[in-house]
Amino acid sequence: MPTYDYQCQNCNHEFELFQQMSDPVKKKCPECATLKLKRLIGAGSGIMFKGSGFYETDYRSDAYKKDAKKAQDSTTGKKKTDAKSKKETNPSSPTPKKD
């Protein structure tokens, strides 16, 4: 159920009212009892996440997950092959010389 903001046009009293969407709009001010109450347009309430945590990757589609895994594997595979070629061309320990 949403919370609505109201303001009296007569006494400028402002208040919030928690009511169902199907409820009629209030017209009578609780302070001055005139029928000059107006419902204000508000920003509404934001999304409230409750729980241990919410991440944008929690609810990704299977196709997205497969594509992301392929991309990650291709970048990590490239790094491994680069490391192998560096080892072959630049040995870390020098070869002993024979006299």
N, C-alpha and C. Protein backbone atom coordinates (compact mmCIF):
# COMPACT_ATOMS: atom_id res chain seq x y z
N MET A 1 0.85 -1.19 0.00
CA MET A 1 0.00 0.00 0.00
C MET A 1 0.89 1.25 0.00
N PRO A 2 0.56 2.18 -0.85
CA PRO A 2 1.38 3.40 -0.93
C PRO A 2 1.06 4.42 0.15
N THR A 3 1.99 5.32 0.35
CA THR A 3 1.81 6.44 1.26
C THR A 3 1.56 7.69 0.42
N TYR A 4 0.51 8.41 0.71
CA TYR A 4 0.16 9.62 -0.03
C TYR A 4 0.39 10.85 0.83
N ASP A 5 0.86 11.92 0.19
CA ASP A 5 1.04 13.21 0.86
C ASP A 5 -0.18 14.07 0.59
N TYR A 6 -0.66 14.73 1.62
CA TYR A 6 -1.80 15.64 1.50
C TYR A 6 -1.43 17.00 2.07
N GLN A 7 -2.07 18.04 1.52
CA GLN A 7 -1.88 19.40 2.02
C GLN A 7 -3.22 20.12 1.97
N CYS A 8 -3.53 20.83 3.06
CA CYS A 8 -4.76 21.62 3.12
C CYS A 8 -4.50 22.96 2.45
N GLN A 9 -5.40 23.37 1.56
CA GLN A 9 -5.28 24.65 0.87
C GLN A 9 -5.68 25.81 1.78
N ASN A 10 -6.36 25.51 2.87
CA ASN A 10 -6.83 26.55 3.79
C ASN A 10 -5.78 26.86 4.87
N CYS A 11 -5.31 25.84 5.58
CA CYS A 11 -4.39 26.06 6.71
C CYS A 11 -2.96 25.61 6.42
N ASN A 12 -2.68 25.06 5.25
CA ASN A 12 -1.37 24.57 4.82
C ASN A 12 -0.85 23.40 5.66
N HIS A 13 -1.73 22.71 6.35
CA HIS A 13 -1.33 21.52 7.11
C HIS A 13 -0.96 20.41 6.13
N GLU A 14 0.23 19.82 6.34
CA GLU A 14 0.69 18.72 5.49
C GLU A 14 0.81 17.46 6.32
N PHE A 15 0.45 16.33 5.72
CA PHE A 15 0.58 15.05 6.39
C PHE A 15 0.64 13.93 5.36
N GLU A 16 1.09 12.77 5.82
CA GLU A 16 1.15 11.58 4.99
C GLU A 16 0.05 10.63 5.45
N LEU A 17 -0.51 9.91 4.48
CA LEU A 17 -1.56 8.96 4.79
C LEU A 17 -1.27 7.65 4.08
N PHE A 18 -1.23 6.58 4.82
CA PHE A 18 -0.98 5.24 4.30
C PHE A 18 -2.33 4.64 3.95
N GLN A 19 -2.61 4.50 2.66
CA GLN A 19 -3.91 3.99 2.25
C GLN A 19 -3.79 3.18 0.96
N GLN A 20 -4.82 2.38 0.71
CA GLN A 20 -4.84 1.56 -0.48
C GLN A 20 -5.08 2.42 -1.72
N MET A 21 -4.66 1.90 -2.87
CA MET A 21 -4.85 2.64 -4.11
C MET A 21 -6.34 2.78 -4.45
N SER A 22 -7.13 1.82 -4.03
CA SER A 22 -8.56 1.85 -4.33
C SER A 22 -9.35 2.77 -3.39
N ASP A 23 -8.72 3.23 -2.30
CA ASP A 23 -9.41 4.14 -1.37
C ASP A 23 -9.66 5.49 -2.04
N PRO A 24 -10.78 6.13 -1.70
CA PRO A 24 -11.05 7.46 -2.29
C PRO A 24 -10.09 8.52 -1.74
N VAL A 25 -9.87 9.56 -2.53
CA VAL A 25 -9.00 10.66 -2.13
C VAL A 25 -9.68 11.41 -0.97
N LYS A 26 -8.90 11.69 0.07
CA LYS A 26 -9.44 12.42 1.23
C LYS A 26 -9.68 13.87 0.85
N LYS A 27 -10.74 14.46 1.38
CA LYS A 27 -11.08 15.84 1.05
C LYS A 27 -11.15 16.75 2.28
N LYS A 28 -11.34 16.15 3.45
CA LYS A 28 -11.52 16.94 4.67
C LYS A 28 -10.23 17.00 5.48
N CYS A 29 -9.78 18.21 5.79
CA CYS A 29 -8.56 18.42 6.57
C CYS A 29 -8.78 18.00 8.02
N PRO A 30 -7.87 17.21 8.61
CA PRO A 30 -8.04 16.80 10.00
C PRO A 30 -7.78 17.94 10.99
N GLU A 31 -7.12 19.01 10.58
CA GLU A 31 -6.82 20.14 11.47
C GLU A 31 -7.95 21.17 11.50
N CYS A 32 -8.32 21.69 10.32
CA CYS A 32 -9.30 22.79 10.29
C CYS A 32 -10.69 22.34 9.83
N ALA A 33 -10.84 21.09 9.44
CA ALA A 33 -12.11 20.48 9.06
C ALA A 33 -12.75 21.10 7.82
N THR A 34 -11.97 21.81 6.99
CA THR A 34 -12.52 22.33 5.73
C THR A 34 -12.34 21.28 4.63
N LEU A 35 -13.04 21.45 3.55
CA LEU A 35 -12.97 20.50 2.44
C LEU A 35 -12.00 20.99 1.36
N LYS A 36 -10.85 21.46 1.79
CA LYS A 36 -9.86 21.99 0.85
C LYS A 36 -8.57 21.18 0.88
N LEU A 37 -8.69 19.89 1.07
CA LEU A 37 -7.53 19.02 1.12
C LEU A 37 -7.15 18.59 -0.30
N LYS A 38 -5.85 18.60 -0.58
CA LYS A 38 -5.37 18.24 -1.90
C LYS A 38 -4.27 17.20 -1.76
N ARG A 39 -4.36 16.15 -2.61
CA ARG A 39 -3.31 15.13 -2.60
C ARG A 39 -2.16 15.64 -3.46
N LEU A 40 -0.95 15.58 -2.90
CA LEU A 40 0.24 16.07 -3.60
C LEU A 40 0.87 14.96 -4.44
N ILE A 41 1.56 15.38 -5.47
CA ILE A 41 2.30 14.43 -6.29
C ILE A 41 3.67 14.27 -5.66
N GLY A 42 3.97 13.08 -5.23
CA GLY A 42 5.24 12.83 -4.55
C GLY A 42 6.16 11.98 -5.41
N ALA A 43 7.36 11.86 -4.95
CA ALA A 43 8.35 11.05 -5.66
C ALA A 43 8.08 9.56 -5.47
N GLY A 44 7.25 9.24 -4.51
CA GLY A 44 6.98 7.85 -4.21
C GLY A 44 8.07 7.26 -3.35
N SER A 45 7.92 6.04 -3.01
CA SER A 45 8.96 5.41 -2.19
C SER A 45 9.93 4.68 -3.09
N GLY A 46 11.15 4.63 -2.66
CA GLY A 46 12.16 3.91 -3.43
C GLY A 46 12.05 2.42 -3.20
N ILE A 47 12.80 1.69 -3.96
CA ILE A 47 12.81 0.25 -3.80
C ILE A 47 13.60 -0.09 -2.55
N MET A 48 13.03 -0.92 -1.73
CA MET A 48 13.70 -1.31 -0.50
C MET A 48 14.13 -2.76 -0.64
N PHE A 49 15.44 -2.99 -0.57
CA PHE A 49 15.97 -4.34 -0.62
C PHE A 49 16.26 -4.79 0.80
N LYS A 50 15.71 -5.92 1.16
CA LYS A 50 15.97 -6.47 2.48
C LYS A 50 16.59 -7.84 2.31
N GLY A 51 17.63 -8.10 3.03
CA GLY A 51 18.27 -9.40 2.95
C GLY A 51 19.77 -9.26 3.06
N SER A 52 20.45 -10.36 2.80
CA SER A 52 21.90 -10.38 2.97
C SER A 52 22.63 -9.60 1.90
N GLY A 53 22.06 -9.50 0.71
CA GLY A 53 22.73 -8.74 -0.34
C GLY A 53 22.07 -8.95 -1.68
N PHE A 54 22.17 -7.93 -2.51
CA PHE A 54 21.61 -7.99 -3.85
C PHE A 54 22.66 -7.45 -4.81
N TYR A 55 22.94 -8.21 -5.83
CA TYR A 55 23.94 -7.82 -6.80
C TYR A 55 23.33 -7.93 -8.19
N GLU A 56 23.85 -7.14 -9.11
CA GLU A 56 23.28 -7.13 -10.46
C GLU A 56 23.49 -8.46 -11.17
N THR A 57 24.46 -9.25 -10.73
CA THR A 57 24.73 -10.52 -11.38
C THR A 57 23.94 -11.68 -10.78
N ASP A 58 23.16 -11.44 -9.76
CA ASP A 58 22.42 -12.52 -9.11
C ASP A 58 21.39 -13.17 -10.03
N TYR A 59 20.74 -12.39 -10.84
CA TYR A 59 19.62 -12.90 -11.62
C TYR A 59 19.88 -12.79 -13.13
N ARG A 60 21.11 -12.97 -13.54
CA ARG A 60 21.44 -12.91 -14.96
C ARG A 60 20.93 -14.16 -15.66
N SER A 61 20.68 -14.03 -16.97
CA SER A 61 20.20 -15.16 -17.75
C SER A 61 21.34 -16.16 -17.99
N ASP A 62 20.97 -17.38 -18.35
CA ASP A 62 21.97 -18.42 -18.59
C ASP A 62 22.85 -18.06 -19.78
N ALA A 63 22.25 -17.45 -20.81
CA ALA A 63 23.02 -17.07 -22.00
C ALA A 63 24.09 -16.04 -21.62
N TYR A 64 23.74 -15.09 -20.78
CA TYR A 64 24.70 -14.08 -20.35
C TYR A 64 25.85 -14.73 -19.58
N LYS A 65 25.50 -15.65 -18.69
CA LYS A 65 26.52 -16.32 -17.88
C LYS A 65 27.49 -17.11 -18.77
N LYS A 66 26.95 -17.81 -19.80
CA LYS A 66 27.80 -18.58 -20.70
C LYS A 66 28.74 -17.66 -21.48
N ASP A 67 28.22 -16.55 -21.99
CA ASP A 67 29.05 -15.60 -22.73
C ASP A 67 30.13 -14.99 -21.84
N ALA A 68 29.79 -14.67 -20.61
CA ALA A 68 30.76 -14.09 -19.68
C ALA A 68 31.85 -15.10 -19.36
N LYS A 69 31.48 -16.36 -19.21
CA LYS A 69 32.47 -17.41 -18.92
C LYS A 69 33.40 -17.59 -20.10
N LYS A 70 32.86 -17.58 -21.33
CA LYS A 70 33.70 -17.69 -22.52
C LYS A 70 34.69 -16.55 -22.59
N ALA A 71 34.22 -15.34 -22.35
CA ALA A 71 35.09 -14.17 -22.40
C ALA A 71 36.18 -14.25 -21.34
N GLN A 72 35.82 -14.69 -20.16
CA GLN A 72 36.81 -14.81 -19.08
C GLN A 72 37.83 -15.91 -19.40
N ASP A 73 37.35 -17.03 -19.93
CA ASP A 73 38.26 -18.13 -20.27
C ASP A 73 39.22 -17.72 -21.39
N SER A 74 38.72 -16.97 -22.35
CA SER A 74 39.59 -16.57 -23.46
C SER A 74 40.67 -15.59 -22.99
N THR A 75 40.37 -14.71 -22.06
CA THR A 75 41.39 -13.78 -21.57
C THR A 75 42.38 -14.49 -20.65
N THR A 76 41.92 -15.41 -19.82
CA THR A 76 42.85 -16.12 -18.93
C THR A 76 43.66 -17.13 -19.72
N GLY A 77 43.10 -17.73 -20.75
CA GLY A 77 43.84 -18.66 -21.61
C GLY A 77 44.96 -17.94 -22.35
N LYS A 78 44.71 -16.73 -22.79
CA LYS A 78 45.71 -15.93 -23.50
C LYS A 78 46.88 -15.60 -22.57
N LYS A 79 46.58 -15.26 -21.34
CA LYS A 79 47.63 -14.94 -20.38
C LYS A 79 48.50 -16.16 -20.09
N LYS A 80 47.90 -17.35 -20.02
CA LYS A 80 48.66 -18.57 -19.75
C LYS A 80 49.60 -18.89 -20.91
N THR A 81 49.14 -18.73 -22.14
CA THR A 81 50.00 -19.02 -23.28
C THR A 81 51.11 -17.99 -23.38
N ASP A 82 50.85 -16.74 -23.06
CA ASP A 82 51.89 -15.72 -23.06
C ASP A 82 52.96 -16.05 -22.02
N ALA A 83 52.56 -16.52 -20.88
CA ALA A 83 53.50 -16.86 -19.82
C ALA A 83 54.37 -18.04 -20.25
N LYS A 84 53.79 -19.02 -20.97
CA LYS A 84 54.55 -20.17 -21.44
C LYS A 84 55.61 -19.75 -22.45
N SER A 85 55.22 -18.88 -23.39
CA SER A 85 56.17 -18.46 -24.41
C SER A 85 57.30 -17.64 -23.81
N LYS A 86 57.03 -16.88 -22.78
CA LYS A 86 58.08 -16.11 -22.12
C LYS A 86 59.07 -17.03 -21.42
N LYS A 87 58.58 -18.11 -20.82
CA LYS A 87 59.46 -19.06 -20.15
C LYS A 87 60.38 -19.74 -21.14
N GLU A 88 59.88 -20.07 -22.31
CA GLU A 88 60.67 -20.76 -23.31
C GLU A 88 61.75 -19.85 -23.88
N THR A 89 61.46 -18.58 -24.09
CA THR A 89 62.42 -17.68 -24.69
C THR A 89 63.40 -17.10 -23.67
N ASN A 90 62.97 -16.89 -22.45
CA ASN A 90 63.81 -16.31 -21.41
C ASN A 90 63.90 -17.27 -20.24
N PRO A 91 64.84 -18.16 -20.23
CA PRO A 91 64.92 -19.07 -19.08
C PRO A 91 65.30 -18.30 -17.82
N SER A 92 64.72 -18.67 -16.73
CA SER A 92 64.97 -17.96 -15.49
C SER A 92 66.35 -18.28 -14.91
N SER A 93 66.84 -19.49 -15.11
CA SER A 93 68.17 -19.82 -14.60
C SER A 93 69.12 -19.99 -15.79
N PRO A 94 70.29 -19.39 -15.71
CA PRO A 94 71.24 -19.52 -16.83
C PRO A 94 71.79 -20.94 -16.91
N THR A 95 72.09 -21.35 -18.14
CA THR A 95 72.63 -22.69 -18.31
C THR A 95 74.11 -22.68 -17.92
N PRO A 96 74.56 -23.70 -17.23
CA PRO A 96 75.97 -23.74 -16.80
C PRO A 96 76.91 -23.90 -18.00
N LYS A 97 78.01 -23.19 -17.94
CA LYS A 97 78.98 -23.25 -19.02
C LYS A 97 79.97 -24.39 -18.76
N LYS A 98 80.34 -25.05 -19.80
CA LYS A 98 81.30 -26.14 -19.68
C LYS A 98 82.69 -25.62 -20.09
N ASP A 99 83.72 -25.94 -19.33
CA ASP A 99 85.09 -25.51 -19.64
C ASP A 99 85.81 -26.49 -20.48
